[in-house]
Amino acid sequence: MYCDDKLLERVLSPYYSNCHYLRTANVYVGEDNKQGCTPLMAKGEFSIIRSCYIQDTGHFNAVEFNLCYNQLAYYLLAMSVKHHLLDIFTDWNMAQFLQQQLTHFYIVKFNSRYYKPIHPKEFFGVIEIEKVSTKNKKSTFLYTKCSFFDNQNGQSEGQVLINIKNNDTL
């Protein structure tokens, strides 16, 4: 397990302070599976005291899903760079990641589903990298799945495809 509160603070710095929904997070590395891939996941605690864009709806919604996903994913990727958890970041350092956090990572496909309303004041999220695919020297794709849930059985889940512009194309 990896945890770094100072790095979390730095990763959230591009967000306006009223939009820092991710409170704490940990990154976990599983054992190698049969395909030689090491499962990588992040778990986080979230709190949306006041939405950054709308009056209180009383539930977690699609915009907040996206924002919370982004915050936890950025943290997972930053920890992957810092601790060399993904081969695609071999040539990256933390300064490069933080400088390129907003410019080199793109969501190219986003899918979310909601099963039971999630209470936004206290809830949890998990992101797992399912597959890494380098199509060419310019781009790498991360296939991820995620879920958000609370202590009152609120639940949502989704799949997100991220495109990373490789560092050698700068």
C-alpha atoms as a PDB file:
ATOM      1  CA  MET A   1       0.000   0.000   0.000  1.00  0.00           C
ATOM      2  CA  TYR A   2       1.193   3.478  -0.878  1.00  0.00           C
ATOM      3  CA  CYS A   3      -0.059   6.708   0.669  1.00  0.00           C
ATOM      4  CA  ASP A   4       1.295  10.257   0.413  1.00  0.00           C
ATOM      5  CA  ASP A   5      -0.863  13.105   1.739  1.00  0.00           C
ATOM      6  CA  LYS A   6       1.505  15.790   0.456  1.00  0.00           C
ATOM      7  CA  LEU A   7       1.385  14.340  -3.045  1.00  0.00           C
ATOM      8  CA  LEU A   8      -2.411  14.171  -2.844  1.00  0.00           C
ATOM      9  CA  GLU A   9      -2.471  17.863  -1.958  1.00  0.00           C
ATOM     10  CA  ARG A  10      -0.184  18.637  -4.907  1.00  0.00           C
ATOM     11  CA  VAL A  11      -2.250  16.524  -7.332  1.00  0.00           C
ATOM     12  CA  LEU A  12      -5.415  18.386  -6.281  1.00  0.00           C
ATOM     13  CA  SER A  13      -3.799  21.827  -6.624  1.00  0.00           C
ATOM     14  CA  PRO A  14      -5.144  22.459 -10.175  1.00  0.00           C
ATOM     15  CA  TYR A  15      -8.688  22.217  -8.757  1.00  0.00           C
ATOM     16  CA  TYR A  16     -10.343  25.182  -7.077  1.00  0.00           C
ATOM     17  CA  SER A  17     -10.335  24.657  -3.314  1.00  0.00           C
ATOM     18  CA  ASN A  18     -14.136  24.289  -3.195  1.00  0.00           C
ATOM     19  CA  CYS A  19     -13.757  21.306  -5.526  1.00  0.00           C
ATOM     20  CA  HIS A  20     -11.292  19.213  -3.494  1.00  0.00           C
ATOM     21  CA  TYR A  21     -13.635  16.260  -3.038  1.00  0.00           C
ATOM     22  CA  LEU A  22     -10.995  13.557  -2.511  1.00  0.00           C
ATOM     23  CA  ARG A  23      -9.975  13.612   1.165  1.00  0.00           C
ATOM     24  CA  THR A  24      -7.669  10.604   1.539  1.00  0.00           C
ATOM     25  CA  ALA A  25      -6.413   7.899  -0.795  1.00  0.00           C
ATOM     26  CA  ASN A  26      -4.275   4.776  -0.902  1.00  0.00           C
ATOM     27  CA  VAL A  27      -2.774   2.905  -3.837  1.00  0.00           C
ATOM     28  CA  TYR A  28      -2.555  -0.885  -3.838  1.00  0.00           C
ATOM     29  CA  VAL A  29      -0.487  -3.189  -6.024  1.00  0.00           C
ATOM     30  CA  GLY A  30      -1.735  -6.753  -6.396  1.00  0.00           C
ATOM     31  CA  GLU A  31       0.167  -9.882  -7.256  1.00  0.00           C
ATOM     32  CA  ASP A  32       1.086 -10.604 -10.874  1.00  0.00           C
ATOM     33  CA  ASN A  33      -1.705 -12.410 -12.675  1.00  0.00           C
ATOM     34  CA  LYS A  34      -1.428 -15.009 -15.452  1.00  0.00           C
ATOM     35  CA  GLN A  35      -1.004 -12.333 -18.135  1.00  0.00           C
ATOM     36  CA  GLY A  36       2.015 -10.883 -16.320  1.00  0.00           C
ATOM     37  CA  CYS A  37       0.097  -7.759 -15.400  1.00  0.00           C
ATOM     38  CA  THR A  38       0.177  -6.399 -11.867  1.00  0.00           C
ATOM     39  CA  PRO A  39      -3.252  -5.162 -10.806  1.00  0.00           C
ATOM     40  CA  LEU A  40      -3.071  -1.547  -9.691  1.00  0.00           C
ATOM     41  CA  MET A  41      -5.857   0.220  -7.820  1.00  0.00           C
ATOM     42  CA  ALA A  42      -6.595   3.265  -5.733  1.00  0.00           C
ATOM     43  CA  LYS A  43      -9.178   3.626  -2.998  1.00  0.00           C
ATOM     44  CA  GLY A  44     -10.305   6.984  -1.735  1.00  0.00           C
ATOM     45  CA  GLU A  45     -12.598   8.721   0.720  1.00  0.00           C
ATOM     46  CA  PHE A  46     -14.643  11.611  -0.639  1.00  0.00           C
ATOM     47  CA  SER A  47     -16.818  14.351   0.732  1.00  0.00           C
ATOM     48  CA  ILE A  48     -18.880  16.862  -1.212  1.00  0.00           C
ATOM     49  CA  ILE A  49     -20.063  19.306   1.398  1.00  0.00           C
ATOM     50  CA  ARG A  50     -21.190  21.772  -1.258  1.00  0.00           C
ATOM     51  CA  SER A  51     -21.211  21.186  -5.000  1.00  0.00           C
ATOM     52  CA  CYS A  52     -18.867  23.443  -6.941  1.00  0.00           C
ATOM     53  CA  TYR A  53     -21.401  24.092  -9.702  1.00  0.00           C
ATOM     54  CA  ILE A  54     -25.019  23.523  -8.605  1.00  0.00           C
ATOM     55  CA  GLN A  55     -27.320  23.805  -5.633  1.00  0.00           C
ATOM     56  CA  ASP A  56     -27.574  20.752  -3.400  1.00  0.00           C
ATOM     57  CA  THR A  57     -29.296  17.893  -5.248  1.00  0.00           C
ATOM     58  CA  GLY A  58     -29.052  15.580  -2.244  1.00  0.00           C
ATOM     59  CA  HIS A  59     -27.235  12.904  -4.241  1.00  0.00           C
ATOM     60  CA  PHE A  60     -24.016  12.174  -6.114  1.00  0.00           C
ATOM     61  CA  ASN A  61     -24.483  12.876  -9.837  1.00  0.00           C
ATOM     62  CA  ALA A  62     -22.709  12.406 -13.176  1.00  0.00           C
ATOM     63  CA  VAL A  63     -20.661  15.617 -13.017  1.00  0.00           C
ATOM     64  CA  GLU A  64     -19.441  14.769  -9.545  1.00  0.00           C
ATOM     65  CA  PHE A  65     -18.712  11.188 -10.675  1.00  0.00           C
ATOM     66  CA  ASN A  66     -16.415  12.583 -13.354  1.00  0.00           C
ATOM     67  CA  LEU A  67     -14.673  15.022 -10.982  1.00  0.00           C
ATOM     68  CA  CYS A  68     -14.158  12.364  -8.305  1.00  0.00           C
ATOM     69  CA  TYR A  69     -12.901   9.883 -10.885  1.00  0.00           C
ATOM     70  CA  ASN A  70     -10.412  12.474 -12.194  1.00  0.00           C
ATOM     71  CA  GLN A  71      -9.077  13.292  -8.742  1.00  0.00           C
ATOM     72  CA  LEU A  72      -8.555   9.661  -7.732  1.00  0.00           C
ATOM     73  CA  ALA A  73      -7.133   8.740 -11.153  1.00  0.00           C
ATOM     74  CA  TYR A  74      -4.614  11.600 -11.059  1.00  0.00           C
ATOM     75  CA  TYR A  75      -3.507  10.439  -7.619  1.00  0.00           C
ATOM     76  CA  LEU A  76      -3.175   6.822  -8.818  1.00  0.00           C
ATOM     77  CA  LEU A  77      -1.104   7.946 -11.805  1.00  0.00           C
ATOM     78  CA  ALA A  78       1.080  10.267  -9.707  1.00  0.00           C
ATOM     79  CA  MET A  79       1.829   7.437  -7.289  1.00  0.00           C
ATOM     80  CA  SER A  80       2.567   5.207 -10.300  1.00  0.00           C
ATOM     81  CA  VAL A  81       5.173   7.703 -11.457  1.00  0.00           C
ATOM     82  CA  LYS A  82       6.643   8.260  -7.984  1.00  0.00           C
ATOM     83  CA  HIS A  83       6.995   4.542  -7.183  1.00  0.00           C
ATOM     84  CA  HIS A  84       7.545   3.248 -10.769  1.00  0.00           C
ATOM     85  CA  LEU A  85       4.391   1.107 -10.653  1.00  0.00           C
ATOM     86  CA  LEU A  86       3.690   1.230 -14.415  1.00  0.00           C
ATOM     87  CA  ASP A  87       6.280   0.617 -17.132  1.00  0.00           C
ATOM     88  CA  ILE A  88       4.831   3.409 -19.251  1.00  0.00           C
ATOM     89  CA  PHE A  89       6.140   5.949 -16.728  1.00  0.00           C
ATOM     90  CA  THR A  90       9.743   4.695 -16.738  1.00  0.00           C
ATOM     91  CA  ASP A  91      11.030   7.950 -18.234  1.00  0.00           C
ATOM     92  CA  TRP A  92       8.750  10.242 -16.229  1.00  0.00           C
ATOM     93  CA  ASN A  93       9.659  12.015 -13.017  1.00  0.00           C
ATOM     94  CA  MET A  94       7.293  13.645 -10.548  1.00  0.00           C
ATOM     95  CA  ALA A  95       8.054  17.190 -11.720  1.00  0.00           C
ATOM     96  CA  GLN A  96       7.133  16.216 -15.294  1.00  0.00           C
ATOM     97  CA  PHE A  97       3.946  14.502 -14.176  1.00  0.00           C
ATOM     98  CA  LEU A  98       2.782  17.493 -12.138  1.00  0.00           C
ATOM     99  CA  GLN A  99       3.623  19.898 -14.954  1.00  0.00           C
ATOM    100  CA  GLN A 100       1.809  17.752 -17.553  1.00  0.00           C
ATOM    101  CA  GLN A 101      -1.060  16.510 -15.390  1.00  0.00           C
ATOM    102  CA  LEU A 102      -3.652  18.594 -17.216  1.00  0.00           C
ATOM    103  CA  THR A 103      -2.116  18.534 -20.702  1.00  0.00           C
ATOM    104  CA  HIS A 104      -1.106  14.895 -21.284  1.00  0.00           C
ATOM    105  CA  PHE A 105      -4.071  12.922 -19.938  1.00  0.00           C
ATOM    106  CA  TYR A 106      -7.355  12.743 -21.848  1.00  0.00           C
ATOM    107  CA  ILE A 107     -10.565  10.890 -21.197  1.00  0.00           C
ATOM    108  CA  VAL A 108     -11.548   9.430 -24.562  1.00  0.00           C
ATOM    109  CA  LYS A 109     -14.440   7.262 -23.389  1.00  0.00           C
ATOM    110  CA  PHE A 110     -16.552   7.595 -20.263  1.00  0.00           C
ATOM    111  CA  ASN A 111     -19.406   5.388 -19.094  1.00  0.00           C
ATOM    112  CA  SER A 112     -21.183   5.583 -15.733  1.00  0.00           C
ATOM    113  CA  ARG A 113     -24.180   3.813 -14.204  1.00  0.00           C
ATOM    114  CA  TYR A 114     -26.093   4.552 -11.005  1.00  0.00           C
ATOM    115  CA  TYR A 115     -27.821   1.811  -9.053  1.00  0.00           C
ATOM    116  CA  LYS A 116     -28.764   3.507  -5.785  1.00  0.00           C
ATOM    117  CA  PRO A 117     -28.309   7.177  -4.822  1.00  0.00           C
ATOM    118  CA  ILE A 118     -25.027   7.948  -3.077  1.00  0.00           C
ATOM    119  CA  HIS A 119     -24.989  10.353  -0.147  1.00  0.00           C
ATOM    120  CA  PRO A 120     -22.404  12.984  -1.205  1.00  0.00           C
ATOM    121  CA  LYS A 121     -21.281  14.087   2.267  1.00  0.00           C
ATOM    122  CA  GLU A 122     -19.307  10.873   2.861  1.00  0.00           C
ATOM    123  CA  PHE A 123     -18.610   8.179   0.288  1.00  0.00           C
ATOM    124  CA  PHE A 124     -15.826   6.052  -1.145  1.00  0.00           C
ATOM    125  CA  GLY A 125     -14.354   5.274  -4.540  1.00  0.00           C
ATOM    126  CA  VAL A 126     -12.157   2.638  -6.166  1.00  0.00           C
ATOM    127  CA  ILE A 127     -10.326   2.792  -9.488  1.00  0.00           C
ATOM    128  CA  GLU A 128      -8.554  -0.162 -11.040  1.00  0.00           C
ATOM    129  CA  ILE A 129      -6.361  -0.193 -14.120  1.00  0.00           C
ATOM    130  CA  GLU A 130      -7.507  -3.234 -16.099  1.00  0.00           C
ATOM    131  CA  LYS A 131      -5.280  -2.962 -19.165  1.00  0.00           C
ATOM    132  CA  VAL A 132      -2.477  -0.815 -20.564  1.00  0.00           C
ATOM    133  CA  SER A 133      -2.116  -0.596 -24.325  1.00  0.00           C
ATOM    134  CA  THR A 134       0.487   1.357 -26.266  1.00  0.00           C
ATOM    135  CA  LYS A 135      -0.812   1.878 -29.801  1.00  0.00           C
ATOM    136  CA  ASN A 136       2.154   3.813 -31.092  1.00  0.00           C
ATOM    137  CA  LYS A 137       4.989   5.900 -29.716  1.00  0.00           C
ATOM    138  CA  LYS A 138       2.695   8.863 -29.238  1.00  0.00           C
ATOM    139  CA  SER A 139      -0.096   7.429 -27.095  1.00  0.00           C
ATOM    140  CA  THR A 140      -0.814   4.920 -24.396  1.00  0.00           C
ATOM    141  CA  PHE A 141      -4.319   3.901 -23.357  1.00  0.00           C
ATOM    142  CA  LEU A 142      -5.373   2.937 -19.854  1.00  0.00           C
ATOM    143  CA  TYR A 143      -8.551   0.905 -19.559  1.00  0.00           C
ATOM    144  CA  THR A 144      -9.983   1.522 -16.115  1.00  0.00           C
ATOM    145  CA  LYS A 145     -13.020   0.562 -14.113  1.00  0.00           C
ATOM    146  CA  CYS A 146     -14.318   2.379 -11.081  1.00  0.00           C
ATOM    147  CA  SER A 147     -17.031   2.375  -8.476  1.00  0.00           C
ATOM    148  CA  PHE A 148     -18.372   4.785  -5.903  1.00  0.00           C
ATOM    149  CA  PHE A 149     -20.424   3.774  -2.876  1.00  0.00           C
ATOM    150  CA  ASP A 150     -21.512   4.930   0.560  1.00  0.00           C
ATOM    151  CA  ASN A 151     -22.439   3.325   3.882  1.00  0.00           C
ATOM    152  CA  GLN A 152     -26.177   3.423   3.038  1.00  0.00           C
ATOM    153  CA  ASN A 153     -25.888   1.031   0.053  1.00  0.00           C
ATOM    154  CA  GLY A 154     -25.581   3.827  -2.514  1.00  0.00           C
ATOM    155  CA  GLN A 155     -23.727   2.556  -5.559  1.00  0.00           C
ATOM    156  CA  SER A 156     -22.478   3.560  -8.990  1.00  0.00           C
ATOM    157  CA  GLU A 157     -19.857   2.176 -11.332  1.00  0.00           C
ATOM    158  CA  GLY A 158     -18.218   2.962 -14.616  1.00  0.00           C
ATOM    159  CA  GLN A 159     -15.503   2.370 -17.169  1.00  0.00           C
ATOM    160  CA  VAL A 160     -13.163   5.083 -18.361  1.00  0.00           C
ATOM    161  CA  LEU A 161     -10.587   4.970 -21.141  1.00  0.00           C
ATOM    162  CA  ILE A 162      -7.666   7.361 -20.697  1.00  0.00           C
ATOM    163  CA  ASN A 163      -5.233   8.408 -23.438  1.00  0.00           C
ATOM    164  CA  ILE A 164      -1.792   9.458 -22.236  1.00  0.00           C
ATOM    165  CA  LYS A 165       0.376  11.485 -24.576  1.00  0.00           C
ATOM    166  CA  ASN A 166       3.801   9.901 -24.144  1.00  0.00           C
ATOM    167  CA  ASN A 167       6.639  12.036 -22.840  1.00  0.00           C
ATOM    168  CA  ASP A 168       8.872  11.462 -25.870  1.00  0.00           C
ATOM    169  CA  THR A 169       6.415  13.369 -28.070  1.00  0.00           C
ATOM    170  CA  LEU A 170       6.992  16.670 -26.232  1.00  0.00           C
END
